[in-house]
């Protein structure tokens, strides 16, 4: 499936969780470019928001899967359940990846701050 088609089919809640997951990545890049104590302090609450958003999006996807299983009855196709389960994991994997890169950028910013001092 085309990734853009997949994005168009996502629920508003899942889109929100993906945006919240990406915010610490942007903040980490800003900190790496211009490190300040205030920007570093902002990373903690943004990281916590992303840590909660990823699992919330995944659980939302799991709820959709269970609802689909309940609605399908005996003609349920197990392959569709597996495809839905793999798609439900996207928010948590995307969120953790964004956090990993964000904190690597923070490390770069801290290194730059120490080097420049």
PDB file of N, CA and C in Angstrom:
ATOM      1  N   UNK A   1       0.845  -1.185   0.000  1.00  0.00           N
ATOM      2  CA  UNK A   1       0.000   0.000   0.000  1.00  0.00           C
ATOM      3  C   UNK A   1       0.888   1.245   0.000  1.00  0.00           C
ATOM      4  N   UNK A   2       0.450   2.235  -0.711  1.00  0.00           N
ATOM      5  CA  UNK A   2       1.144   3.519  -0.785  1.00  0.00           C
ATOM      6  C   UNK A   2       1.116   4.193   0.595  1.00  0.00           C
ATOM      7  N   UNK A   3       2.266   4.668   1.098  1.00  0.00           N
ATOM      8  CA  UNK A   3       2.273   5.294   2.430  1.00  0.00           C
ATOM      9  C   UNK A   3       1.348   6.507   2.528  1.00  0.00           C
ATOM     10  N   UNK A   4       1.181   7.243   1.448  1.00  0.00           N
ATOM     11  CA  UNK A   4       0.303   8.408   1.482  1.00  0.00           C
ATOM     12  C   UNK A   4      -1.159   7.992   1.580  1.00  0.00           C
ATOM     13  N   UNK A   5      -1.519   6.878   0.951  1.00  0.00           N
ATOM     14  CA  UNK A   5      -2.878   6.343   1.089  1.00  0.00           C
ATOM     15  C   UNK A   5      -3.113   5.893   2.528  1.00  0.00           C
ATOM     16  N   UNK A   6      -2.097   5.269   3.108  1.00  0.00           N
ATOM     17  CA  UNK A   6      -2.208   4.824   4.494  1.00  0.00           C
ATOM     18  C   UNK A   6      -2.405   6.013   5.436  1.00  0.00           C
ATOM     19  N   UNK A   7      -1.648   7.088   5.225  1.00  0.00           N
ATOM     20  CA  UNK A   7      -1.801   8.286   6.054  1.00  0.00           C
ATOM     21  C   UNK A   7      -3.199   8.882   5.923  1.00  0.00           C
ATOM     22  N   UNK A   8      -3.763   8.821   4.727  1.00  0.00           N
ATOM     23  CA  UNK A   8      -5.101   9.370   4.516  1.00  0.00           C
ATOM     24  C   UNK A   8      -6.157   8.552   5.262  1.00  0.00           C
ATOM     25  N   UNK A   9      -5.899   7.279   5.474  1.00  0.00           N
ATOM     26  CA  UNK A   9      -6.868   6.409   6.138  1.00  0.00           C
ATOM     27  C   UNK A   9      -6.744   6.398   7.664  1.00  0.00           C
ATOM     28  N   UNK A  10      -5.715   7.025   8.206  1.00  0.00           N
ATOM     29  CA  UNK A  10      -5.518   7.017   9.657  1.00  0.00           C
ATOM     30  C   UNK A  10      -6.583   7.859  10.348  1.00  0.00           C
ATOM     31  N   UNK A  11      -6.924   7.464  11.548  1.00  0.00           N
ATOM     32  CA  UNK A  11      -7.878   8.237  12.336  1.00  0.00           C
ATOM     33  C   UNK A  11      -7.232   9.539  12.801  1.00  0.00           C
ATOM     34  N   UNK A  12      -8.052  10.493  13.186  1.00  0.00           N
ATOM     35  CA  UNK A  12      -7.523  11.779  13.668  1.00  0.00           C
ATOM     36  C   UNK A  12      -6.699  11.562  14.927  1.00  0.00           C
ATOM     37  N   UNK A  13      -7.093  10.604  15.771  1.00  0.00           N
ATOM     38  CA  UNK A  13      -6.346  10.352  17.004  1.00  0.00           C
ATOM     39  C   UNK A  13      -4.957   9.813  16.691  1.00  0.00           C
ATOM     40  N   UNK A  14      -4.884   8.912  15.732  1.00  0.00           N
ATOM     41  CA  UNK A  14      -3.580   8.357  15.371  1.00  0.00           C
ATOM     42  C   UNK A  14      -2.692   9.423  14.740  1.00  0.00           C
ATOM     43  N   UNK A  15      -3.269  10.284  13.911  1.00  0.00           N
ATOM     44  CA  UNK A  15      -2.490  11.386  13.348  1.00  0.00           C
ATOM     45  C   UNK A  15      -1.972  12.303  14.449  1.00  0.00           C
ATOM     46  N   UNK A  16      -2.804  12.553  15.453  1.00  0.00           N
ATOM     47  CA  UNK A  16      -2.383  13.387  16.580  1.00  0.00           C
ATOM     48  C   UNK A  16      -1.222  12.744  17.335  1.00  0.00           C
ATOM     49  N   UNK A  17      -1.298  11.444  17.577  1.00  0.00           N
ATOM     50  CA  UNK A  17      -0.217  10.773  18.308  1.00  0.00           C
ATOM     51  C   UNK A  17       1.086  10.810  17.499  1.00  0.00           C
ATOM     52  N   UNK A  18       0.997  10.684  16.182  1.00  0.00           N
ATOM     53  CA  UNK A  18       2.210  10.749  15.366  1.00  0.00           C
ATOM     54  C   UNK A  18       2.822  12.148  15.397  1.00  0.00           C
ATOM     55  N   UNK A  19       1.976  13.170  15.416  1.00  0.00           N
ATOM     56  CA  UNK A  19       2.491  14.539  15.513  1.00  0.00           C
ATOM     57  C   UNK A  19       3.160  14.758  16.861  1.00  0.00           C
ATOM     58  N   UNK A  20       2.506  14.303  17.942  1.00  0.00           N
ATOM     59  CA  UNK A  20       3.080  14.458  19.279  1.00  0.00           C
ATOM     60  C   UNK A  20       4.396  13.692  19.375  1.00  0.00           C
ATOM     61  N   UNK A  21       4.473  12.541  18.717  1.00  0.00           N
ATOM     62  CA  UNK A  21       5.718  11.769  18.712  1.00  0.00           C
ATOM     63  C   UNK A  21       6.847  12.513  18.010  1.00  0.00           C
ATOM     64  N   UNK A  22       6.533  13.321  17.003  1.00  0.00           N
ATOM     65  CA  UNK A  22       7.557  14.015  16.232  1.00  0.00           C
ATOM     66  C   UNK A  22       8.029  15.313  16.895  1.00  0.00           C
ATOM     67  N   UNK A  23       7.249  15.867  17.821  1.00  0.00           N
ATOM     68  CA  UNK A  23       7.604  17.154  18.433  1.00  0.00           C
ATOM     69  C   UNK A  23       8.957  17.107  19.159  1.00  0.00           C
ATOM     70  N   UNK A  24       9.274  16.078  19.954  1.00  0.00           N
ATOM     71  CA  UNK A  24      10.591  16.056  20.603  1.00  0.00           C
ATOM     72  C   UNK A  24      11.749  16.003  19.598  1.00  0.00           C
ATOM     73  N   UNK A  25      11.510  15.410  18.441  1.00  0.00           N
ATOM     74  CA  UNK A  25      12.539  15.367  17.409  1.00  0.00           C
ATOM     75  C   UNK A  25      12.863  16.780  16.933  1.00  0.00           C
ATOM     76  N   UNK A  26      11.834  17.582  16.705  1.00  0.00           N
ATOM     77  CA  UNK A  26      12.038  18.967  16.298  1.00  0.00           C
ATOM     78  C   UNK A  26      12.730  19.746  17.419  1.00  0.00           C
ATOM     79  N   UNK A  27      12.272  19.546  18.653  1.00  0.00           N
ATOM     80  CA  UNK A  27      12.882  20.248  19.789  1.00  0.00           C
ATOM     81  C   UNK A  27      14.345  19.846  19.972  1.00  0.00           C
ATOM     82  N   UNK A  28      14.655  18.572  19.749  1.00  0.00           N
ATOM     83  CA  UNK A  28      16.045  18.116  19.835  1.00  0.00           C
ATOM     84  C   UNK A  28      16.913  18.755  18.767  1.00  0.00           C
ATOM     85  N   UNK A  29      16.365  18.908  17.558  1.00  0.00           N
ATOM     86  CA  UNK A  29      17.115  19.560  16.484  1.00  0.00           C
ATOM     87  C   UNK A  29      17.358  21.033  16.804  1.00  0.00           C
ATOM     88  N   UNK A  30      16.351  21.694  17.371  1.00  0.00           N
ATOM     89  CA  UNK A  30      16.512  23.098  17.756  1.00  0.00           C
ATOM     90  C   UNK A  30      17.566  23.223  18.845  1.00  0.00           C
ATOM     91  N   UNK A  31      17.536  22.308  19.820  1.00  0.00           N
ATOM     92  CA  UNK A  31      18.540  22.343  20.890  1.00  0.00           C
ATOM     93  C   UNK A  31      19.938  22.084  20.339  1.00  0.00           C
ATOM     94  N   UNK A  32      20.063  21.152  19.391  1.00  0.00           N
ATOM     95  CA  UNK A  32      21.381  20.859  18.824  1.00  0.00           C
ATOM     96  C   UNK A  32      21.940  22.075  18.092  1.00  0.00           C
ATOM     97  N   UNK A  33      21.040  22.838  17.455  1.00  0.00           N
ATOM     98  CA  UNK A  33      21.489  24.022  16.713  1.00  0.00           C
ATOM     99  C   UNK A  33      21.885  25.157  17.648  1.00  0.00           C
ATOM    100  N   UNK A  34      21.104  25.382  18.697  1.00  0.00           N
ATOM    101  CA  UNK A  34      21.357  26.472  19.648  1.00  0.00           C
ATOM    102  C   UNK A  34      21.050  25.998  21.064  1.00  0.00           C
ATOM    103  N   UNK A  35      21.990  25.352  21.712  1.00  0.00           N
ATOM    104  CA  UNK A  35      21.730  24.800  23.051  1.00  0.00           C
ATOM    105  C   UNK A  35      21.565  25.887  24.115  1.00  0.00           C
ATOM    106  N   UNK A  36      20.447  25.792  24.837  1.00  0.00           N
ATOM    107  CA  UNK A  36      20.215  26.642  26.011  1.00  0.00           C
ATOM    108  C   UNK A  36      19.589  25.770  27.094  1.00  0.00           C
ATOM    109  N   UNK A  37      19.683  26.234  28.330  1.00  0.00           N
ATOM    110  CA  UNK A  37      19.104  25.477  29.449  1.00  0.00           C
ATOM    111  C   UNK A  37      17.584  25.351  29.297  1.00  0.00           C
ATOM    112  N   UNK A  38      16.939  26.418  28.829  1.00  0.00           N
ATOM    113  CA  UNK A  38      15.488  26.392  28.666  1.00  0.00           C
ATOM    114  C   UNK A  38      15.038  25.357  27.654  1.00  0.00           C
ATOM    115  N   UNK A  39      15.760  25.261  26.541  1.00  0.00           N
ATOM    116  CA  UNK A  39      15.420  24.265  25.524  1.00  0.00           C
ATOM    117  C   UNK A  39      15.665  22.848  26.033  1.00  0.00           C
ATOM    118  N   UNK A  40      16.719  22.691  26.815  1.00  0.00           N
ATOM    119  CA  UNK A  40      16.989  21.377  27.393  1.00  0.00           C
ATOM    120  C   UNK A  40      15.901  21.000  28.396  1.00  0.00           C
ATOM    121  N   UNK A  41      15.465  21.954  29.197  1.00  0.00           N
ATOM    122  CA  UNK A  41      14.405  21.686  30.177  1.00  0.00           C
ATOM    123  C   UNK A  41      13.098  21.315  29.493  1.00  0.00           C
ATOM    124  N   UNK A  42      12.856  21.842  28.310  1.00  0.00           N
ATOM    125  CA  UNK A  42      11.635  21.537  27.573  1.00  0.00           C
ATOM    126  C   UNK A  42      11.626  20.105  27.042  1.00  0.00           C
ATOM    127  N   UNK A  43      12.796  19.510  26.877  1.00  0.00           N
ATOM    128  CA  UNK A  43      12.864  18.150  26.331  1.00  0.00           C
ATOM    129  C   UNK A  43      12.199  17.119  27.244  1.00  0.00           C
ATOM    130  N   UNK A  44      12.262  17.312  28.546  1.00  0.00           N
ATOM    131  CA  UNK A  44      11.675  16.323  29.463  1.00  0.00           C
ATOM    132  C   UNK A  44      10.163  16.208  29.300  1.00  0.00           C
ATOM    133  N   UNK A  45       9.392  17.297  29.387  1.00  0.00           N
ATOM    134  CA  UNK A  45       7.947  17.138  29.218  1.00  0.00           C
ATOM    135  C   UNK A  45       7.555  16.720  27.803  1.00  0.00           C
ATOM    136  N   UNK A  46       8.292  17.182  26.795  1.00  0.00           N
ATOM    137  CA  UNK A  46       7.976  16.757  25.431  1.00  0.00           C
ATOM    138  C   UNK A  46       8.257  15.265  25.240  1.00  0.00           C
ATOM    139  N   UNK A  47       9.332  14.781  25.856  1.00  0.00           N
ATOM    140  CA  UNK A  47       9.642  13.356  25.778  1.00  0.00           C
ATOM    141  C   UNK A  47       8.587  12.519  26.495  1.00  0.00           C
ATOM    142  N   UNK A  48       8.133  12.995  27.631  1.00  0.00           N
ATOM    143  CA  UNK A  48       7.080  12.273  28.346  1.00  0.00           C
ATOM    144  C   UNK A  48       5.796  12.234  27.530  1.00  0.00           C
ATOM    145  N   UNK A  49       5.456  13.341  26.888  1.00  0.00           N
ATOM    146  CA  UNK A  49       4.258  13.361  26.045  1.00  0.00           C
ATOM    147  C   UNK A  49       4.379  12.334  24.924  1.00  0.00           C
ATOM    148  N   UNK A  50       5.551  12.248  24.309  1.00  0.00           N
ATOM    149  CA  UNK A  50       5.763  11.276  23.238  1.00  0.00           C
ATOM    150  C   UNK A  50       5.731   9.847  23.772  1.00  0.00           C
ATOM    151  N   UNK A  51       6.286   9.645  24.977  1.00  0.00           N
ATOM    152  CA  UNK A  51       6.260   8.307  25.567  1.00  0.00           C
ATOM    153  C   UNK A  51       4.841   7.830  25.833  1.00  0.00           C
ATOM    154  N   UNK A  52       3.950   8.749  26.143  1.00  0.00           N
ATOM    155  CA  UNK A  52       2.554   8.379  26.370  1.00  0.00           C
ATOM    156  C   UNK A  52       1.768   8.313  25.063  1.00  0.00           C
ATOM    157  N   UNK A  53       2.119   9.130  24.087  1.00  0.00           N
ATOM    158  CA  UNK A  53       1.375   9.164  22.826  1.00  0.00           C
ATOM    159  C   UNK A  53       1.568   7.884  22.016  1.00  0.00           C
ATOM    160  N   UNK A  54       2.786   7.370  21.975  1.00  0.00           N
ATOM    161  CA  UNK A  54       3.046   6.157  21.193  1.00  0.00           C
ATOM    162  C   UNK A  54       2.201   4.974  21.627  1.00  0.00           C
ATOM    163  N   UNK A  55       2.251   4.597  22.907  1.00  0.00           N
ATOM    164  CA  UNK A  55       1.399   3.500  23.355  1.00  0.00           C
ATOM    165  C   UNK A  55      -0.097   3.806  23.239  1.00  0.00           C
ATOM    166  N   UNK A  56      -0.491   5.058  23.418  1.00  0.00           N
ATOM    167  CA  UNK A  56      -1.909   5.404  23.265  1.00  0.00           C
ATOM    168  C   UNK A  56      -2.360   5.149  21.830  1.00  0.00           C
ATOM    169  N   UNK A  57      -1.532   5.523  20.853  1.00  0.00           N
ATOM    170  CA  UNK A  57      -1.875   5.258  19.459  1.00  0.00           C
ATOM    171  C   UNK A  57      -1.912   3.776  19.148  1.00  0.00           C
ATOM    172  N   UNK A  58      -0.975   3.028  19.724  1.00  0.00           N
ATOM    173  CA  UNK A  58      -0.962   1.582  19.506  1.00  0.00           C
ATOM    174  C   UNK A  58      -2.184   0.921  20.135  1.00  0.00           C
ATOM    175  N   UNK A  59      -2.543   1.341  21.335  1.00  0.00           N
ATOM    176  CA  UNK A  59      -3.739   0.776  21.974  1.00  0.00           C
ATOM    177  C   UNK A  59      -5.005   1.156  21.219  1.00  0.00           C
ATOM    178  N   UNK A  60      -5.032   2.342  20.647  1.00  0.00           N
ATOM    179  CA  UNK A  60      -6.168   2.741  19.818  1.00  0.00           C
ATOM    180  C   UNK A  60      -6.292   1.811  18.608  1.00  0.00           C
ATOM    181  N   UNK A  61      -5.161   1.487  18.001  1.00  0.00           N
ATOM    182  CA  UNK A  61      -5.175   0.543  16.890  1.00  0.00           C
ATOM    183  C   UNK A  61      -5.618  -0.841  17.316  1.00  0.00           C
ATOM    184  N   UNK A  62      -5.204  -1.268  18.511  1.00  0.00           N
ATOM    185  CA  UNK A  62      -5.624  -2.580  19.022  1.00  0.00           C
ATOM    186  C   UNK A  62      -7.133  -2.609  19.256  1.00  0.00           C
ATOM    187  N   UNK A  63      -7.674  -1.506  19.730  1.00  0.00           N
ATOM    188  CA  UNK A  63      -9.127  -1.425  19.927  1.00  0.00           C
ATOM    189  C   UNK A  63      -9.842  -1.560  18.590  1.00  0.00           C
ATOM    190  N   UNK A  64      -9.318  -0.909  17.559  1.00  0.00           N
ATOM    191  CA  UNK A  64      -9.908  -1.026  16.228  1.00  0.00           C
ATOM    192  C   UNK A  64      -9.847  -2.462  15.717  1.00  0.00           C
ATOM    193  N   UNK A  65      -8.732  -3.136  15.962  1.00  0.00           N
ATOM    194  CA  UNK A  65      -8.591  -4.529  15.531  1.00  0.00           C
ATOM    195  C   UNK A  65      -9.620  -5.413  16.226  1.00  0.00           C
ATOM    196  N   UNK A  66      -9.730  -5.249  17.544  1.00  0.00           N
ATOM    197  CA  UNK A  66     -10.691  -6.069  18.289  1.00  0.00           C
ATOM    198  C   UNK A  66     -12.122  -5.793  17.846  1.00  0.00           C
ATOM    199  N   UNK A  67     -12.421  -4.534  17.559  1.00  0.00           N
ATOM    200  CA  UNK A  67     -13.756  -4.207  17.048  1.00  0.00           C
ATOM    201  C   UNK A  67     -14.004  -4.850  15.696  1.00  0.00           C
ATOM    202  N   UNK A  68     -12.988  -4.870  14.842  1.00  0.00           N
ATOM    203  CA  UNK A  68     -13.120  -5.521  13.537  1.00  0.00           C
ATOM    204  C   UNK A  68     -13.304  -7.021  13.664  1.00  0.00           C
ATOM    205  N   UNK A  69     -12.600  -7.633  14.607  1.00  0.00           N
ATOM    206  CA  UNK A  69     -12.755  -9.075  14.831  1.00  0.00           C
ATOM    207  C   UNK A  69     -14.173  -9.374  15.295  1.00  0.00           C
ATOM    208  N   UNK A  70     -14.667  -8.565  16.223  1.00  0.00           N
ATOM    209  CA  UNK A  70     -16.019  -8.790  16.739  1.00  0.00           C
ATOM    210  C   UNK A  70     -17.078  -8.596  15.658  1.00  0.00           C
ATOM    211  N   UNK A  71     -16.858  -7.660  14.759  1.00  0.00           N
ATOM    212  CA  UNK A  71     -17.846  -7.378  13.718  1.00  0.00           C
ATOM    213  C   UNK A  71     -17.788  -8.378  12.565  1.00  0.00           C
ATOM    214  N   UNK A  72     -16.663  -9.069  12.383  1.00  0.00           N
ATOM    215  CA  UNK A  72     -16.510  -9.935  11.213  1.00  0.00           C
ATOM    216  C   UNK A  72     -17.181 -11.287  11.368  1.00  0.00           C
ATOM    217  N   UNK A  73     -17.317 -11.769  12.577  1.00  0.00           N
ATOM    218  CA  UNK A  73     -17.958 -13.069  12.782  1.00  0.00           C
ATOM    219  C   UNK A  73     -17.091 -14.216  12.317  1.00  0.00           C
ATOM    220  N   UNK A  74     -17.717 -15.320  11.905  1.00  0.00           N
ATOM    221  CA  UNK A  74     -16.950 -16.526  11.561  1.00  0.00           C
ATOM    222  C   UNK A  74     -16.154 -16.414  10.263  1.00  0.00           C
ATOM    223  N   UNK A  75     -16.480 -15.446   9.396  1.00  0.00           N
ATOM    224  CA  UNK A  75     -15.752 -15.327   8.131  1.00  0.00           C
ATOM    225  C   UNK A  75     -14.491 -14.470   8.244  1.00  0.00           C
ATOM    226  N   UNK A  76     -14.022 -14.268   9.469  1.00  0.00           N
ATOM    227  CA  UNK A  76     -12.838 -13.453   9.713  1.00  0.00           C
ATOM    228  C   UNK A  76     -11.617 -14.031   8.999  1.00  0.00           C
ATOM    229  N   UNK A  77     -10.825 -13.156   8.392  1.00  0.00           N
ATOM    230  CA  UNK A  77      -9.597 -13.572   7.731  1.00  0.00           C
ATOM    231  C   UNK A  77      -8.424 -13.203   8.636  1.00  0.00           C
ATOM    232  N   UNK A  78      -7.670 -14.205   9.050  1.00  0.00           N
ATOM    233  CA  UNK A  78      -6.590 -13.994  10.009  1.00  0.00           C
ATOM    234  C   UNK A  78      -5.492 -13.095   9.434  1.00  0.00           C
ATOM    235  N   UNK A  79      -5.299 -13.123   8.130  1.00  0.00           N
ATOM    236  CA  UNK A  79      -4.288 -12.275   7.506  1.00  0.00           C
ATOM    237  C   UNK A  79      -4.597 -10.799   7.700  1.00  0.00           C
ATOM    238  N   UNK A  80      -5.870 -10.445   7.648  1.00  0.00           N
ATOM    239  CA  UNK A  80      -6.264  -9.052   7.866  1.00  0.00           C
ATOM    240  C   UNK A  80      -6.026  -8.654   9.318  1.00  0.00           C
ATOM    241  N   UNK A  81      -6.199  -9.580  10.233  1.00  0.00           N
ATOM    242  CA  UNK A  81      -5.934  -9.300  11.647  1.00  0.00           C
ATOM    243  C   UNK A  81      -4.441  -9.038  11.840  1.00  0.00           C
ATOM    244  N   UNK A  82      -3.604  -9.859  11.222  1.00  0.00           N
ATOM    245  CA  UNK A  82      -2.159  -9.659  11.334  1.00  0.00           C
ATOM    246  C   UNK A  82      -1.729  -8.330  10.711  1.00  0.00           C
ATOM    247  N   UNK A  83      -2.331  -7.985   9.573  1.00  0.00           N
ATOM    248  CA  UNK A  83      -1.997  -6.700   8.927  1.00  0.00           C
ATOM    249  C   UNK A  83      -2.401  -5.543   9.836  1.00  0.00           C
ATOM    250  N   UNK A  84      -3.567  -5.636  10.448  1.00  0.00           N
ATOM    251  CA  UNK A  84      -4.010  -4.592  11.371  1.00  0.00           C
ATOM    252  C   UNK A  84      -3.120  -4.498  12.594  1.00  0.00           C
ATOM    253  N   UNK A  85      -2.684  -5.647  13.100  1.00  0.00           N
ATOM    254  CA  UNK A  85      -1.802  -5.648  14.272  1.00  0.00           C
ATOM    255  C   UNK A  85      -0.455  -5.008  13.938  1.00  0.00           C
ATOM    256  N   UNK A  86       0.053  -5.281  12.742  1.00  0.00           N
ATOM    257  CA  UNK A  86       1.333  -4.671  12.369  1.00  0.00           C
ATOM    258  C   UNK A  86       1.177  -3.166  12.188  1.00  0.00           C
ATOM    259  N   UNK A  87       0.062  -2.718  11.644  1.00  0.00           N
ATOM    260  CA  UNK A  87      -0.177  -1.282  11.499  1.00  0.00           C
ATOM    261  C   UNK A  87      -0.378  -0.611  12.855  1.00  0.00           C
ATOM    262  N   UNK A  88      -0.941  -1.340  13.803  1.00  0.00           N
ATOM    263  CA  UNK A  88      -1.174  -0.772  15.137  1.00  0.00           C
ATOM    264  C   UNK A  88       0.139  -0.507  15.873  1.00  0.00           C
ATOM    265  N   UNK A  89       1.200  -1.187  15.496  1.00  0.00           N
ATOM    266  CA  UNK A  89       2.492  -0.991  16.146  1.00  0.00           C
ATOM    267  C   UNK A  89       3.228   0.248  15.639  1.00  0.00           C
ATOM    268  N   UNK A  90       2.764   0.834  14.552  1.00  0.00           N
ATOM    269  CA  UNK A  90       3.452   1.980  13.954  1.00  0.00           C
ATOM    270  C   UNK A  90       3.653   3.125  14.943  1.00  0.00           C
ATOM    271  N   UNK A  91       2.625   3.561  15.701  1.00  0.00           N
ATOM    272  CA  UNK A  91       2.835   4.722  16.579  1.00  0.00           C
ATOM    273  C   UNK A  91       3.925   4.523  17.627  1.00  0.00           C
ATOM    274  N   UNK A  92       3.987   3.357  18.242  1.00  0.00           N
ATOM    275  CA  UNK A  92       4.983   3.160  19.295  1.00  0.00           C
ATOM    276  C   UNK A  92       6.387   3.065  18.702  1.00  0.00           C
ATOM    277  N   UNK A  93       6.526   2.436  17.553  1.00  0.00           N
ATOM    278  CA  UNK A  93       7.844   2.335  16.929  1.00  0.00           C
ATOM    279  C   UNK A  93       8.285   3.699  16.396  1.00  0.00           C
ATOM    280  N   UNK A  94       7.365   4.432  15.776  1.00  0.00           N
ATOM    281  CA  UNK A  94       7.680   5.769  15.285  1.00  0.00           C
ATOM    282  C   UNK A  94       8.059   6.682  16.449  1.00  0.00           C
ATOM    283  N   UNK A  95       7.296   6.604  17.541  1.00  0.00           N
ATOM    284  CA  UNK A  95       7.564   7.451  18.705  1.00  0.00           C
ATOM    285  C   UNK A  95       8.918   7.163  19.335  1.00  0.00           C
ATOM    286  N   UNK A  96       9.221   5.896  19.510  1.00  0.00           N
ATOM    287  CA  UNK A  96      10.510   5.546  20.117  1.00  0.00           C
ATOM    288  C   UNK A  96      11.675   5.918  19.208  1.00  0.00           C
ATOM    289  N   UNK A  97      11.491   5.780  17.901  1.00  0.00           N
ATOM    290  CA  UNK A  97      12.541   6.176  16.963  1.00  0.00           C
ATOM    291  C   UNK A  97      12.766   7.684  17.009  1.00  0.00           C
ATOM    292  N   UNK A  98      11.675   8.450  17.036  1.00  0.00           N
ATOM    293  CA  UNK A  98      11.806   9.906  17.137  1.00  0.00           C
ATOM    294  C   UNK A  98      12.497  10.302  18.433  1.00  0.00           C
ATOM    295  N   UNK A  99      12.153   9.638  19.537  1.00  0.00           N
ATOM    296  CA  UNK A  99      12.801   9.946  20.813  1.00  0.00           C
ATOM    297  C   UNK A  99      14.286   9.598  20.789  1.00  0.00           C
ATOM    298  N   UNK A 100      14.625   8.484  20.176  1.00  0.00           N
ATOM    299  CA  UNK A 100      16.031   8.096  20.090  1.00  0.00           C
ATOM    300  C   UNK A 100      16.836   9.164  19.343  1.00  0.00           C
ATOM    301  N   UNK A 101      16.330   9.578  18.183  1.00  0.00           N
ATOM    302  CA  UNK A 101      17.034  10.585  17.397  1.00  0.00           C
ATOM    303  C   UNK A 101      17.052  11.922  18.130  1.00  0.00           C
ATOM    304  N   UNK A 102      15.938  12.273  18.782  1.00  0.00           N
ATOM    305  CA  UNK A 102      15.868  13.542  19.517  1.00  0.00           C
ATOM    306  C   UNK A 102      16.927  13.599  20.604  1.00  0.00           C
ATOM    307  N   UNK A 103      17.074  12.516  21.356  1.00  0.00           N
ATOM    308  CA  UNK A 103      18.054  12.542  22.443  1.00  0.00           C
ATOM    309  C   UNK A 103      19.485  12.441  21.925  1.00  0.00           C
ATOM    310  N   UNK A 104      19.686  11.855  20.763  1.00  0.00           N
ATOM    311  CA  UNK A 104      21.013  11.913  20.148  1.00  0.00           C
ATOM    312  C   UNK A 104      21.334  13.354  19.734  1.00  0.00           C
ATOM    313  N   UNK A 105      20.324  14.068  19.243  1.00  0.00           N
ATOM    314  CA  UNK A 105      20.519  15.479  18.914  1.00  0.00           C
ATOM    315  C   UNK A 105      20.802  16.304  20.166  1.00  0.00           C
ATOM    316  N   UNK A 106      20.140  15.970  21.272  1.00  0.00           N
ATOM    317  CA  UNK A 106      20.431  16.652  22.538  1.00  0.00           C
ATOM    318  C   UNK A 106      21.880  16.394  22.944  1.00  0.00           C
ATOM    319  N   UNK A 107      22.340  15.161  22.758  1.00  0.00           N
ATOM    320  CA  UNK A 107      23.740  14.858  23.086  1.00  0.00           C
ATOM    321  C   UNK A 107      24.690  15.684  22.221  1.00  0.00           C
ATOM    322  N   UNK A 108      24.353  15.868  20.953  1.00  0.00           N
ATOM    323  CA  UNK A 108      25.171  16.711  20.082  1.00  0.00           C
ATOM    324  C   UNK A 108      25.171  18.143  20.597  1.00  0.00           C
ATOM    325  N   UNK A 109      23.996  18.639  20.993  1.00  0.00           N
ATOM    326  CA  UNK A 109      23.909  19.996  21.528  1.00  0.00           C
ATOM    327  C   UNK A 109      24.696  20.152  22.815  1.00  0.00           C
ATOM    328  N   UNK A 110      24.664  19.149  23.670  1.00  0.00           N
ATOM    329  CA  UNK A 110      25.434  19.212  24.919  1.00  0.00           C
ATOM    330  C   UNK A 110      26.926  19.179  24.619  1.00  0.00           C
ATOM    331  N   UNK A 111      27.315  18.376  23.658  1.00  0.00           N
ATOM    332  CA  UNK A 111      28.721  18.324  23.271  1.00  0.00           C
ATOM    333  C   UNK A 111      29.170  19.679  22.721  1.00  0.00           C
ATOM    334  N   UNK A 112      28.322  20.289  21.905  1.00  0.00           N
ATOM    335  CA  UNK A 112      28.645  21.610  21.362  1.00  0.00           C
ATOM    336  C   UNK A 112      28.742  22.641  22.491  1.00  0.00           C
ATOM    337  N   UNK A 113      27.857  22.543  23.469  1.00  0.00           N
ATOM    338  CA  UNK A 113      27.893  23.482  24.584  1.00  0.00           C
ATOM    339  C   UNK A 113      29.163  23.334  25.406  1.00  0.00           C
ATOM    340  N   UNK A 114      29.591  22.118  25.636  1.00  0.00           N
ATOM    341  CA  UNK A 114      30.809  21.867  26.398  1.00  0.00           C
ATOM    342  C   UNK A 114      32.031  22.308  25.584  1.00  0.00           C
ATOM    343  N   UNK A 115      32.006  22.021  24.315  1.00  0.00           N
ATOM    344  CA  UNK A 115      33.128  22.361  23.435  1.00  0.00           C
ATOM    345  C   UNK A 115      33.300  23.874  23.326  1.00  0.00           C
ATOM    346  N   UNK A 116      32.185  24.604  23.240  1.00  0.00           N
ATOM    347  CA  UNK A 116      32.236  26.056  23.078  1.00  0.00           C
ATOM    348  C   UNK A 116      32.541  26.789  24.372  1.00  0.00           C
ATOM    349  N   UNK A 117      32.369  26.117  25.504  1.00  0.00           N
ATOM    350  CA  UNK A 117      32.573  26.796  26.786  1.00  0.00           C
ATOM    351  C   UNK A 117      34.028  26.941  27.150  1.00  0.00           C
TER     352      UNK A 117
END
